[in-house]
Protein backbone atom coordinates (compact mmCIF):
# COMPACT_ATOMS: atom_id res chain seq x y z
CA MET A 1 56.39 -9.61 12.00
CA ILE A 2 58.05 -12.38 13.97
CA ILE A 3 61.77 -12.03 14.53
CA LEU A 4 63.48 -15.38 14.79
CA ASP A 5 66.01 -15.62 17.58
CA PRO A 6 68.72 -18.11 16.51
CA VAL A 7 69.88 -18.66 20.11
CA MET A 8 66.33 -19.51 21.22
CA ASN A 9 65.90 -21.83 18.23
CA ILE A 10 69.10 -23.69 19.12
CA LYS A 11 68.03 -24.02 22.77
CA THR A 12 64.62 -25.33 21.72
CA PHE A 13 66.23 -27.77 19.28
CA LEU A 14 68.60 -29.04 21.97
CA HIS A 15 65.75 -29.50 24.44
CA TRP A 16 63.86 -31.70 21.97
CA LEU A 17 66.88 -33.54 20.55
CA PRO A 18 66.84 -36.31 23.21
CA ALA A 19 63.19 -37.05 22.40
CA ALA A 20 64.00 -37.28 18.68
CA VAL A 21 66.88 -39.67 19.41
CA VAL A 22 64.71 -41.91 21.62
CA MET A 23 61.95 -41.94 18.98
CA ALA A 24 64.50 -42.92 16.33
CA VAL A 25 65.79 -45.78 18.51
CA ILE A 26 62.25 -47.03 19.16
CA PHE A 27 61.45 -46.82 15.45
CA GLY A 28 64.61 -48.73 14.59
CA LEU A 29 63.91 -51.49 17.09
CA SER A 30 60.29 -51.72 15.92
CA SER A 31 61.53 -52.25 12.37
CA ILE A 32 63.24 -55.54 13.22
CA PRO A 33 61.25 -58.53 11.88
CA SER A 34 60.17 -60.98 14.59
CA ARG A 35 62.34 -63.82 13.23
CA GLN A 36 65.43 -61.63 13.79
CA MET A 37 64.49 -60.73 17.37
CA PRO A 38 66.32 -62.55 20.17
CA ASN A 39 64.36 -65.07 22.21
CA PHE A 40 64.88 -65.04 25.96
CA GLY A 41 63.10 -68.34 26.54
CA PHE A 42 60.92 -68.41 29.65
CA TRP A 43 61.70 -64.73 30.35
CA ASP A 44 60.98 -63.54 26.78
CA LEU A 45 57.68 -61.83 27.58
CA VAL A 46 59.02 -60.18 30.75
CA VAL A 47 62.18 -58.90 29.05
CA LYS A 48 60.42 -57.55 25.96
CA LYS A 49 57.49 -55.93 27.79
CA GLY A 50 59.90 -54.56 30.40
CA ALA A 51 61.99 -53.07 27.60
CA HIS A 52 58.84 -51.48 26.17
CA MET A 53 58.01 -49.93 29.54
CA LEU A 54 61.54 -48.66 30.03
CA GLY A 55 61.84 -47.29 26.49
CA TYR A 56 58.56 -45.41 26.65
CA GLY A 57 59.33 -44.26 30.18
CA ILE A 58 62.54 -42.73 28.87
CA LEU A 59 60.58 -41.19 25.99
CA ALA A 60 58.18 -39.61 28.51
CA LEU A 61 61.15 -38.21 30.40
CA THR A 62 62.62 -36.70 27.23
CA TYR A 63 59.28 -35.18 26.25
CA TRP A 64 58.89 -33.63 29.69
CA TYR A 65 62.47 -32.36 29.42
CA GLY A 66 61.50 -30.76 26.10
CA LEU A 67 58.64 -29.12 27.98
CA HIS A 68 61.14 -27.82 30.59
CA PHE A 69 59.76 -30.13 33.30
CA ASP A 70 56.80 -27.78 33.67
CA LYS A 71 54.65 -29.57 36.26
CA ARG A 72 51.51 -28.33 34.48
CA LEU A 73 52.58 -30.11 31.26
CA TRP A 74 53.21 -33.68 32.45
CA ARG A 75 49.86 -34.69 30.95
CA LEU A 76 51.00 -33.37 27.57
CA ALA A 77 54.21 -35.42 27.84
CA PHE A 78 52.10 -38.50 28.64
CA LEU A 79 49.73 -37.80 25.73
CA LEU A 80 52.64 -37.40 23.32
CA VAL A 81 54.00 -40.78 24.43
CA VAL A 82 50.67 -42.52 23.91
CA ILE A 83 50.29 -40.94 20.47
CA TYR A 84 53.80 -42.05 19.51
CA ALA A 85 53.11 -45.54 20.89
CA ILE A 86 49.96 -45.83 18.76
CA THR A 87 51.84 -44.73 15.62
CA ASP A 88 54.62 -47.18 16.47
CA GLU A 89 52.14 -50.04 16.77
CA PHE A 90 50.71 -49.06 13.37
CA HIS A 91 54.26 -49.07 11.97
CA GLN A 92 54.83 -52.55 13.42
CA SER A 93 51.82 -53.86 11.51
CA PHE A 94 53.92 -53.51 8.33
CA VAL A 95 56.97 -55.36 9.73
CA PRO A 96 57.14 -59.09 8.93
CA GLY A 97 56.05 -61.21 11.88
CA ARG A 98 55.07 -58.20 13.99
CA HIS A 99 51.57 -56.95 14.72
CA ALA A 100 49.84 -53.92 16.17
CA SER A 101 48.57 -54.19 19.74
CA CYS A 102 46.38 -51.71 21.59
CA VAL A 103 47.46 -53.40 24.83
CA ASP A 104 51.10 -52.64 24.07
CA ALA A 105 50.41 -49.01 23.17
CA LEU A 106 48.00 -48.12 25.96
CA ILE A 107 48.87 -50.43 28.85
CA ILE A 108 52.53 -51.39 28.48
CA ASP A 109 53.96 -48.27 26.79
CA GLY A 110 51.55 -45.86 28.48
CA GLY A 111 52.17 -47.59 31.80
CA GLY A 112 55.93 -47.17 31.45
CA ALA A 113 55.43 -43.48 30.66
CA ALA A 114 53.09 -42.99 33.62
CA ILE A 115 55.47 -44.69 36.03
CA MET A 116 58.44 -42.63 34.83
CA LEU A 117 56.51 -39.36 35.03
CA LEU A 118 55.31 -40.24 38.53
CA VAL A 119 58.82 -41.13 39.71
CA ILE A 120 60.33 -37.94 38.27
CA SER A 121 57.52 -35.85 39.75
CA LYS A 122 58.12 -37.36 43.21
CA MET A 123 61.86 -36.78 42.88
CA GLN A 124 61.23 -33.13 41.97
CA LYS A 125 59.07 -32.66 45.06
CA ARG A 126 61.77 -34.13 47.31
CA MET A 127 64.44 -31.88 45.81
CA ARG A 128 62.45 -28.74 46.66
């Protein structure tokens, strides 16, 4: 018989809450039809792809936080980001004017996650 510890459940919930919030924000932004998205002119591609990298980098950070920054689990945090990015691209295929892109999911979003995980890992090593 498993005894549920309410304190442990609350701690676990709180550790994963930031990831849930970031996923909700990404989902909300991905739900905006393309005609309602702002256009940044010449810089449009840079701003939007940069925002993708930053958003998924933050998601990677929140996943790793949920995993208690266990250095053995950074690959799991990265994998979770890529899986979420793929599902988000699928979701975008149903939004007017938007489309799914493997490049966005694997290169842009995955790249942002990899960079963030690398930076945090290096910062952890310096703090020790």
